[in-house]
N, C-alpha and C. Protein backbone atom coordinates (compact mmCIF):
# COMPACT_ATOMS: atom_id res chain seq x y z
N MET A 1 -15.43 21.21 3.74
CA MET A 1 -14.92 22.64 4.21
C MET A 1 -13.46 22.74 3.34
N HIS A 2 -13.19 23.77 2.88
CA HIS A 2 -12.02 24.19 2.08
C HIS A 2 -11.12 25.08 3.04
N TYR A 3 -10.00 24.60 3.41
CA TYR A 3 -9.06 25.46 4.33
C TYR A 3 -8.10 26.39 3.55
N GLN A 4 -7.63 25.88 2.39
CA GLN A 4 -6.58 26.59 1.62
C GLN A 4 -7.16 27.27 0.37
N SER A 5 -6.89 28.59 0.03
CA SER A 5 -7.40 29.05 -1.17
C SER A 5 -6.46 29.13 -2.33
N THR A 6 -5.06 29.05 -1.96
CA THR A 6 -4.00 29.04 -3.00
C THR A 6 -3.40 27.74 -3.14
N VAL A 7 -3.40 27.24 -4.22
CA VAL A 7 -2.70 25.95 -4.45
C VAL A 7 -1.40 26.30 -5.02
N THR A 8 -0.27 25.48 -4.60
CA THR A 8 1.07 25.71 -5.27
C THR A 8 1.46 24.44 -5.70
N LEU A 9 2.48 24.47 -6.43
CA LEU A 9 3.28 23.31 -6.97
C LEU A 9 3.68 22.29 -5.93
N THR A 10 4.16 22.81 -4.83
CA THR A 10 4.83 22.24 -3.78
C THR A 10 3.56 21.23 -3.00
N ASP A 11 2.30 21.59 -3.36
CA ASP A 11 1.11 20.76 -2.72
C ASP A 11 0.90 19.38 -3.48
N PHE A 12 1.57 19.22 -4.63
CA PHE A 12 1.34 18.15 -5.48
C PHE A 12 2.53 17.13 -5.50
N ILE A 13 2.33 15.95 -5.16
CA ILE A 13 3.06 14.77 -5.07
C ILE A 13 2.76 13.72 -5.99
N PRO A 14 3.63 12.88 -6.66
CA PRO A 14 3.21 11.69 -7.38
C PRO A 14 2.43 10.81 -6.54
N TYR A 15 1.28 10.29 -6.98
CA TYR A 15 0.23 9.49 -6.15
C TYR A 15 1.06 8.36 -5.62
N GLN A 16 2.06 7.73 -6.18
CA GLN A 16 2.79 6.72 -5.66
C GLN A 16 3.55 6.89 -4.37
N SER A 17 3.91 8.27 -4.11
CA SER A 17 4.65 8.68 -2.98
C SER A 17 3.94 8.66 -1.63
N VAL A 18 2.67 8.67 -1.82
CA VAL A 18 1.78 8.98 -0.58
C VAL A 18 2.23 7.94 0.49
N PRO A 19 2.23 6.76 0.23
CA PRO A 19 2.64 5.56 1.49
C PRO A 19 4.04 5.94 1.97
N ASP A 20 4.94 6.49 1.15
CA ASP A 20 6.29 6.74 1.67
C ASP A 20 6.22 8.04 2.55
N HIS A 21 5.49 9.08 2.09
CA HIS A 21 5.32 10.28 2.94
C HIS A 21 4.52 10.19 4.11
N PHE A 22 3.48 9.24 4.07
CA PHE A 22 2.44 9.18 5.22
C PHE A 22 2.22 7.86 5.57
N PRO A 23 3.24 7.04 5.91
CA PRO A 23 3.08 5.58 6.17
C PRO A 23 1.96 5.32 7.40
N HIS A 24 1.84 6.34 8.31
CA HIS A 24 1.01 6.18 9.27
C HIS A 24 -0.42 6.32 8.82
N LEU A 25 -0.77 6.73 7.69
CA LEU A 25 -2.17 6.78 7.09
C LEU A 25 -2.44 5.63 6.16
N TYR A 26 -1.20 5.34 5.21
CA TYR A 26 -1.69 4.32 4.23
C TYR A 26 -0.37 3.35 4.05
N SER A 27 -0.79 2.12 4.05
CA SER A 27 0.30 1.14 3.52
C SER A 27 0.26 1.23 1.93
N VAL A 28 1.28 0.59 1.28
CA VAL A 28 1.25 0.60 -0.13
C VAL A 28 -0.11 -0.13 -0.61
N LYS A 29 -0.45 -1.20 0.04
CA LYS A 29 -1.66 -1.91 -0.58
C LYS A 29 -3.03 -1.15 -0.20
N SER A 30 -3.08 -0.49 0.93
CA SER A 30 -4.20 0.16 1.29
C SER A 30 -4.28 1.40 0.30
N TRP A 31 -3.10 2.05 0.00
CA TRP A 31 -3.33 3.12 -0.85
C TRP A 31 -3.70 3.05 -2.15
N ALA A 32 -3.04 1.80 -2.77
CA ALA A 32 -3.41 1.26 -4.09
C ALA A 32 -4.98 1.15 -4.20
N TRP A 33 -5.54 0.61 -3.18
CA TRP A 33 -7.08 0.35 -3.19
C TRP A 33 -7.77 1.60 -3.09
N ALA A 34 -7.23 2.63 -2.32
CA ALA A 34 -7.85 4.08 -2.12
C ALA A 34 -7.72 4.82 -3.58
N VAL A 35 -6.65 4.66 -4.21
CA VAL A 35 -6.50 5.32 -5.44
C VAL A 35 -7.51 4.64 -6.50
N LYS A 36 -7.59 3.29 -6.60
CA LYS A 36 -8.62 2.63 -7.50
C LYS A 36 -9.97 3.10 -7.21
N GLN A 37 -10.27 3.40 -5.97
CA GLN A 37 -11.61 3.59 -5.56
C GLN A 37 -12.04 5.13 -5.37
N ARG A 38 -11.15 5.89 -5.67
CA ARG A 38 -11.05 7.31 -5.37
C ARG A 38 -12.46 7.95 -5.71
N HIS A 39 -13.05 7.63 -6.82
CA HIS A 39 -14.29 8.18 -7.26
C HIS A 39 -15.45 7.77 -6.42
N HIS A 40 -15.18 6.85 -5.47
CA HIS A 40 -16.39 6.20 -4.62
C HIS A 40 -16.10 6.41 -3.24
N ASN A 41 -14.79 6.83 -2.83
CA ASN A 41 -14.42 6.91 -1.40
C ASN A 41 -14.22 8.49 -0.97
N GLY A 42 -14.62 9.57 -1.79
CA GLY A 42 -14.38 10.81 -1.32
C GLY A 42 -13.08 11.46 -1.52
N LEU A 43 -12.18 10.77 -2.33
CA LEU A 43 -10.79 11.28 -2.46
C LEU A 43 -10.54 11.81 -3.82
N ALA A 44 -11.48 11.63 -4.78
CA ALA A 44 -11.10 12.13 -6.01
C ALA A 44 -10.92 13.44 -6.34
N ARG A 45 -11.29 14.54 -5.57
CA ARG A 45 -10.91 15.78 -5.77
C ARG A 45 -9.51 16.25 -5.33
N ALA A 46 -8.84 15.15 -4.67
CA ALA A 46 -7.34 15.46 -4.27
C ALA A 46 -6.40 14.99 -5.41
N PHE A 47 -6.86 14.45 -6.48
CA PHE A 47 -6.16 13.91 -7.54
C PHE A 47 -6.17 14.79 -8.74
N ARG A 48 -4.96 14.98 -9.43
CA ARG A 48 -4.87 15.73 -10.73
C ARG A 48 -4.06 14.88 -11.73
N LYS A 49 -4.46 14.90 -12.92
CA LYS A 49 -3.68 14.21 -13.96
C LYS A 49 -2.97 15.35 -14.83
N VAL A 50 -1.74 15.15 -15.01
CA VAL A 50 -0.94 16.04 -15.78
C VAL A 50 -0.22 15.30 -16.76
N GLY A 51 -0.67 15.42 -18.01
CA GLY A 51 -0.27 14.39 -19.21
C GLY A 51 -0.69 13.05 -18.89
N LYS A 52 0.21 12.14 -18.64
CA LYS A 52 0.07 10.81 -18.33
C LYS A 52 0.31 10.49 -16.93
N ASN A 53 0.64 11.58 -16.10
CA ASN A 53 1.04 11.35 -14.75
C ASN A 53 0.07 11.79 -13.64
N LEU A 54 -0.35 10.83 -12.60
CA LEU A 54 -1.21 11.18 -11.67
C LEU A 54 -0.51 11.88 -10.38
N PHE A 55 -1.06 12.89 -9.88
CA PHE A 55 -0.53 13.59 -8.78
C PHE A 55 -1.70 13.58 -7.69
N VAL A 56 -1.12 13.80 -6.47
CA VAL A 56 -2.17 14.16 -5.42
C VAL A 56 -1.70 15.51 -4.75
N ASN A 57 -2.82 16.26 -4.51
CA ASN A 57 -2.68 17.40 -3.70
C ASN A 57 -2.82 17.14 -2.32
N ILE A 58 -1.66 17.20 -1.64
CA ILE A 58 -1.72 16.75 -0.21
C ILE A 58 -2.58 17.56 0.54
N GLN A 59 -2.71 18.85 0.29
CA GLN A 59 -3.62 19.79 1.17
C GLN A 59 -5.16 19.27 0.86
N ALA A 60 -5.40 18.97 -0.44
CA ALA A 60 -6.82 18.46 -0.59
C ALA A 60 -7.12 17.06 -0.03
N LEU A 61 -5.98 16.23 -0.03
CA LEU A 61 -6.11 15.05 0.57
C LEU A 61 -6.39 15.08 2.09
N ALA A 62 -5.77 15.93 2.76
CA ALA A 62 -5.83 16.27 4.15
C ALA A 62 -7.45 16.83 4.40
N GLU A 63 -7.73 17.54 3.52
CA GLU A 63 -9.20 17.96 3.72
C GLU A 63 -10.25 16.94 3.50
N CYS A 64 -9.83 16.07 2.35
CA CYS A 64 -10.87 14.91 2.16
C CYS A 64 -10.98 13.81 3.28
N ILE A 65 -9.76 13.56 3.91
CA ILE A 65 -9.62 12.61 5.16
C ILE A 65 -10.38 13.42 6.18
N ASP A 66 -10.29 14.69 6.41
CA ASP A 66 -10.69 15.38 7.63
C ASP A 66 -12.31 15.38 7.42
N SER A 67 -12.74 15.60 6.20
CA SER A 67 -14.30 15.53 6.10
C SER A 67 -14.89 14.30 6.31
N GLN A 68 -14.14 13.12 5.91
CA GLN A 68 -14.59 11.86 6.35
C GLN A 68 -14.73 11.63 7.78
N LEU A 69 -13.79 12.10 8.46
CA LEU A 69 -13.72 11.84 9.99
C LEU A 69 -14.92 12.65 10.59
N SER A 70 -15.36 13.69 10.13
CA SER A 70 -16.45 14.48 10.84
C SER A 70 -17.82 13.93 10.41
N ASN A 71 -17.81 12.92 9.48
CA ASN A 71 -19.26 12.53 9.11
C ASN A 71 -19.58 11.23 10.02
């Protein structure tokens, strides 16, 4: 299910920042594993590469997590 139709730049944060922003969801170690396994764990659509930098769309990440909980 897709909740948001418009993506803004404020939706994107550097992927390394996720454990700092959401420590209740991911530790540094668990997030590192989730990032490495993103193509297998349902999180891949939340990631965007810009040049050499990897970002996470936090709205899409929330949607990915929410869809996993409903399965």
